[in-house]
């Protein structure tokens, strides 16, 4: 889970950029104000909106990035996803 900051994709941290660069797949939360197309252009990699269960299946096999606008754990849905990943044995 990578927080994109409160404004736009340019507020991502250096560590967040490193994680995106290493990720096999990049996903964005479905209710993000930033479009997947805009993020794909910025990161120069495909960014897709996908259901949580599909992202978790990818994360079990390879490194993925999940982009969240603002604080990644600031929304209840993202906190629940975080704990679900931990239960599934996925490093978050």
N, C-alpha and C. Protein backbone atom coordinates (compact mmCIF):
# COMPACT_ATOMS: atom_id res chain seq x y z
N UNK A 1 0.84 -1.17 0.00
CA UNK A 1 0.00 0.00 0.00
C UNK A 1 0.88 1.23 0.00
N UNK A 2 0.65 2.05 -0.98
CA UNK A 2 1.48 3.24 -1.15
C UNK A 2 0.57 4.47 -1.18
N UNK A 3 0.79 5.37 -0.26
CA UNK A 3 0.03 6.61 -0.23
C UNK A 3 0.56 7.59 -1.26
N UNK A 4 -0.35 8.17 -2.00
CA UNK A 4 0.03 9.12 -3.04
C UNK A 4 0.02 10.56 -2.55
N UNK A 5 -0.25 10.77 -1.29
CA UNK A 5 -0.32 12.12 -0.77
C UNK A 5 -1.71 12.68 -0.95
N UNK A 6 -1.91 13.89 -0.46
CA UNK A 6 -3.25 14.47 -0.46
C UNK A 6 -3.62 15.18 -1.75
N UNK A 7 -2.62 15.58 -2.52
CA UNK A 7 -2.91 16.38 -3.71
C UNK A 7 -2.99 15.53 -4.98
N UNK A 8 -1.84 15.07 -5.46
CA UNK A 8 -1.82 14.27 -6.68
C UNK A 8 -0.66 13.29 -6.66
N UNK A 9 -0.44 12.61 -7.77
CA UNK A 9 0.58 11.57 -7.85
C UNK A 9 2.00 12.09 -7.60
N UNK A 10 2.24 13.37 -7.73
CA UNK A 10 3.57 13.93 -7.53
C UNK A 10 3.94 14.04 -6.05
N UNK A 11 2.99 13.78 -5.17
CA UNK A 11 3.26 13.81 -3.73
C UNK A 11 3.75 12.47 -3.18
N UNK A 12 3.93 11.48 -4.04
CA UNK A 12 4.40 10.16 -3.60
C UNK A 12 5.80 10.28 -3.01
N UNK A 13 6.10 9.46 -2.01
CA UNK A 13 7.42 9.49 -1.39
C UNK A 13 8.46 8.79 -2.27
N UNK A 14 9.71 9.01 -1.97
CA UNK A 14 10.79 8.34 -2.70
C UNK A 14 10.68 6.83 -2.51
N UNK A 15 10.40 6.39 -1.30
CA UNK A 15 10.24 4.96 -1.03
C UNK A 15 9.05 4.40 -1.82
N UNK A 16 7.99 5.17 -1.91
CA UNK A 16 6.83 4.75 -2.71
C UNK A 16 7.20 4.59 -4.18
N UNK A 17 7.98 5.53 -4.71
CA UNK A 17 8.44 5.43 -6.10
C UNK A 17 9.29 4.19 -6.32
N UNK A 18 10.14 3.87 -5.36
CA UNK A 18 10.98 2.67 -5.47
C UNK A 18 10.12 1.41 -5.50
N UNK A 19 9.09 1.37 -4.68
CA UNK A 19 8.18 0.21 -4.66
C UNK A 19 7.43 0.08 -5.98
N UNK A 20 6.97 1.18 -6.53
CA UNK A 20 6.28 1.15 -7.81
C UNK A 20 7.22 0.64 -8.90
N UNK A 21 8.45 1.10 -8.88
CA UNK A 21 9.42 0.68 -9.89
C UNK A 21 9.68 -0.83 -9.84
N UNK A 22 9.66 -1.42 -8.64
CA UNK A 22 9.94 -2.85 -8.48
C UNK A 22 8.72 -3.73 -8.71
N UNK A 23 7.54 -3.15 -8.66
CA UNK A 23 6.31 -3.94 -8.71
C UNK A 23 6.05 -4.56 -10.09
N UNK A 24 5.59 -5.79 -10.07
CA UNK A 24 5.18 -6.47 -11.31
C UNK A 24 3.85 -5.92 -11.81
N UNK A 25 2.97 -5.57 -10.88
CA UNK A 25 1.66 -5.02 -11.21
C UNK A 25 1.39 -3.83 -10.31
N UNK A 26 0.71 -2.84 -10.87
CA UNK A 26 0.35 -1.66 -10.09
C UNK A 26 -1.17 -1.52 -10.14
N UNK A 27 -1.76 -1.45 -8.97
CA UNK A 27 -3.20 -1.32 -8.86
C UNK A 27 -3.53 -0.01 -8.16
N UNK A 28 -4.71 0.51 -8.42
CA UNK A 28 -5.18 1.73 -7.77
C UNK A 28 -6.55 1.43 -7.19
N UNK A 29 -6.83 2.03 -6.03
CA UNK A 29 -8.13 1.80 -5.40
C UNK A 29 -9.24 2.29 -6.32
N UNK A 30 -10.35 1.58 -6.27
CA UNK A 30 -11.44 1.85 -7.22
C UNK A 30 -12.08 3.22 -7.08
N UNK A 31 -12.03 3.82 -5.90
CA UNK A 31 -12.66 5.13 -5.72
C UNK A 31 -11.66 6.28 -5.67
N UNK A 32 -10.49 6.07 -6.26
CA UNK A 32 -9.47 7.12 -6.30
C UNK A 32 -9.93 8.26 -7.20
N UNK A 33 -9.58 9.47 -6.82
CA UNK A 33 -9.87 10.62 -7.67
C UNK A 33 -8.90 10.71 -8.84
N UNK A 34 -7.79 9.98 -8.74
CA UNK A 34 -6.79 9.97 -9.81
C UNK A 34 -7.06 8.77 -10.71
N UNK A 35 -7.18 9.01 -12.00
CA UNK A 35 -7.50 7.93 -12.93
C UNK A 35 -6.30 7.00 -13.15
N UNK A 36 -6.61 5.75 -13.47
CA UNK A 36 -5.56 4.78 -13.77
C UNK A 36 -4.75 5.24 -14.98
N UNK A 37 -5.41 5.87 -15.95
CA UNK A 37 -4.70 6.35 -17.15
C UNK A 37 -3.70 7.44 -16.77
N UNK A 38 -4.12 8.36 -15.95
CA UNK A 38 -3.23 9.45 -15.50
C UNK A 38 -2.04 8.88 -14.73
N UNK A 39 -2.30 7.92 -13.86
CA UNK A 39 -1.22 7.31 -13.08
C UNK A 39 -0.28 6.50 -13.97
N UNK A 40 -0.84 5.80 -14.96
CA UNK A 40 -0.02 5.05 -15.91
C UNK A 40 0.93 5.97 -16.65
N UNK A 41 0.44 7.12 -17.05
CA UNK A 41 1.28 8.09 -17.75
C UNK A 41 2.40 8.58 -16.83
N UNK A 42 2.06 8.88 -15.60
CA UNK A 42 3.06 9.40 -14.66
C UNK A 42 4.14 8.36 -14.34
N UNK A 43 3.72 7.12 -14.05
CA UNK A 43 4.68 6.08 -13.64
C UNK A 43 5.30 5.35 -14.81
N UNK A 44 4.81 5.59 -16.03
CA UNK A 44 5.32 4.91 -17.22
C UNK A 44 5.17 3.39 -17.11
N UNK A 45 4.12 2.95 -16.42
CA UNK A 45 3.78 1.55 -16.26
C UNK A 45 2.26 1.45 -16.23
N UNK A 46 1.74 0.31 -16.63
CA UNK A 46 0.29 0.15 -16.60
C UNK A 46 -0.23 0.13 -15.16
N UNK A 47 -1.25 0.90 -14.91
CA UNK A 47 -1.93 0.95 -13.62
C UNK A 47 -3.38 0.57 -13.88
N UNK A 48 -3.89 -0.39 -13.11
CA UNK A 48 -5.26 -0.85 -13.34
C UNK A 48 -6.08 -0.78 -12.07
N UNK A 49 -7.37 -0.57 -12.26
CA UNK A 49 -8.34 -0.63 -11.17
C UNK A 49 -8.80 -2.09 -11.13
N UNK A 50 -8.73 -2.70 -9.96
CA UNK A 50 -9.07 -4.12 -9.87
C UNK A 50 -9.69 -4.41 -8.52
N UNK A 51 -10.48 -5.46 -8.46
CA UNK A 51 -11.09 -5.89 -7.20
C UNK A 51 -10.01 -6.39 -6.24
N UNK A 52 -10.24 -6.19 -4.95
CA UNK A 52 -9.26 -6.56 -3.92
C UNK A 52 -8.84 -8.02 -4.01
N UNK A 53 -9.79 -8.92 -4.24
CA UNK A 53 -9.44 -10.34 -4.24
C UNK A 53 -8.50 -10.71 -5.39
N UNK A 54 -8.61 -10.02 -6.51
CA UNK A 54 -7.69 -10.26 -7.63
C UNK A 54 -6.31 -9.74 -7.30
N UNK A 55 -6.25 -8.56 -6.69
CA UNK A 55 -4.96 -8.00 -6.30
C UNK A 55 -4.27 -8.92 -5.29
N UNK A 56 -5.02 -9.45 -4.35
CA UNK A 56 -4.45 -10.34 -3.34
C UNK A 56 -3.88 -11.59 -4.00
N UNK A 57 -4.56 -12.14 -4.98
CA UNK A 57 -4.04 -13.33 -5.68
C UNK A 57 -2.72 -13.01 -6.37
N UNK A 58 -2.61 -11.85 -6.98
CA UNK A 58 -1.34 -11.44 -7.60
C UNK A 58 -0.27 -11.26 -6.52
N UNK A 59 -0.63 -10.65 -5.40
CA UNK A 59 0.34 -10.37 -4.33
C UNK A 59 0.87 -11.64 -3.68
N UNK A 60 0.14 -12.71 -3.76
CA UNK A 60 0.63 -13.99 -3.21
C UNK A 60 1.79 -14.54 -4.03
N UNK A 61 1.85 -14.15 -5.32
CA UNK A 61 2.85 -14.71 -6.24
C UNK A 61 3.97 -13.75 -6.61
N UNK A 62 3.70 -12.45 -6.51
CA UNK A 62 4.69 -11.48 -6.98
C UNK A 62 4.50 -10.16 -6.25
N UNK A 63 5.46 -9.28 -6.43
CA UNK A 63 5.38 -7.98 -5.76
C UNK A 63 4.44 -7.06 -6.53
N UNK A 64 3.48 -6.49 -5.81
CA UNK A 64 2.54 -5.56 -6.42
C UNK A 64 2.54 -4.26 -5.64
N UNK A 65 2.05 -3.22 -6.28
CA UNK A 65 1.88 -1.93 -5.61
C UNK A 65 0.39 -1.59 -5.65
N UNK A 66 -0.12 -1.14 -4.52
CA UNK A 66 -1.52 -0.72 -4.42
C UNK A 66 -1.51 0.75 -4.05
N UNK A 67 -1.93 1.59 -4.99
CA UNK A 67 -1.86 3.04 -4.83
C UNK A 67 -3.14 3.57 -4.20
N UNK A 68 -2.96 4.40 -3.18
CA UNK A 68 -4.08 4.96 -2.44
C UNK A 68 -3.86 6.46 -2.32
N UNK A 69 -4.87 7.23 -2.63
CA UNK A 69 -4.73 8.67 -2.46
C UNK A 69 -4.83 9.01 -0.98
N UNK A 70 -3.88 9.80 -0.49
CA UNK A 70 -3.86 10.16 0.93
C UNK A 70 -3.18 9.09 1.77
N UNK A 71 -3.61 8.98 3.01
CA UNK A 71 -3.05 8.02 3.96
C UNK A 71 -3.60 6.63 3.64
N UNK A 72 -2.75 5.65 3.36
CA UNK A 72 -3.23 4.31 2.99
C UNK A 72 -4.15 3.67 4.03
N UNK A 73 -3.95 3.96 5.29
CA UNK A 73 -4.78 3.33 6.32
C UNK A 73 -5.83 4.28 6.86
N UNK A 74 -6.04 5.39 6.20
CA UNK A 74 -7.01 6.37 6.66
C UNK A 74 -8.46 5.99 6.40
N UNK A 75 -8.67 5.04 5.50
CA UNK A 75 -10.02 4.58 5.21
C UNK A 75 -10.22 3.18 5.79
N UNK A 76 -11.39 2.94 6.31
CA UNK A 76 -11.69 1.64 6.93
C UNK A 76 -11.50 0.48 5.94
N UNK A 77 -11.88 0.69 4.68
CA UNK A 77 -11.74 -0.38 3.67
C UNK A 77 -10.27 -0.76 3.47
N UNK A 78 -9.39 0.24 3.48
CA UNK A 78 -7.97 -0.05 3.28
C UNK A 78 -7.36 -0.71 4.51
N UNK A 79 -7.81 -0.32 5.68
CA UNK A 79 -7.34 -0.99 6.90
C UNK A 79 -7.76 -2.45 6.89
N UNK A 80 -8.99 -2.72 6.49
CA UNK A 80 -9.48 -4.10 6.41
C UNK A 80 -8.66 -4.89 5.38
N UNK A 81 -8.35 -4.27 4.25
CA UNK A 81 -7.54 -4.93 3.22
C UNK A 81 -6.14 -5.22 3.76
N UNK A 82 -5.57 -4.29 4.49
CA UNK A 82 -4.25 -4.47 5.09
C UNK A 82 -4.23 -5.73 5.97
N UNK A 83 -5.21 -5.85 6.86
CA UNK A 83 -5.25 -7.01 7.76
C UNK A 83 -5.58 -8.30 7.02
N UNK A 84 -6.37 -8.21 5.97
CA UNK A 84 -6.65 -9.41 5.16
C UNK A 84 -5.36 -9.90 4.50
N UNK A 85 -4.56 -8.98 3.99
CA UNK A 85 -3.28 -9.36 3.38
C UNK A 85 -2.37 -10.03 4.41
N UNK A 86 -2.31 -9.48 5.61
CA UNK A 86 -1.49 -10.08 6.65
C UNK A 86 -1.96 -11.50 6.97
N UNK A 87 -3.27 -11.69 7.06
CA UNK A 87 -3.82 -13.03 7.33
C UNK A 87 -3.48 -14.00 6.23
N UNK A 88 -3.37 -13.49 4.99
CA UNK A 88 -3.05 -14.34 3.83
C UNK A 88 -1.53 -14.57 3.71
N UNK A 89 -0.75 -13.98 4.61
CA UNK A 89 0.69 -14.17 4.57
C UNK A 89 1.41 -13.25 3.60
N UNK A 90 0.77 -12.16 3.23
CA UNK A 90 1.35 -11.22 2.26
C UNK A 90 2.04 -10.10 3.04
N UNK A 91 3.29 -9.85 2.70
CA UNK A 91 4.05 -8.76 3.33
C UNK A 91 3.50 -7.43 2.82
N UNK A 92 3.12 -6.57 3.76
CA UNK A 92 2.57 -5.27 3.40
C UNK A 92 3.49 -4.19 3.90
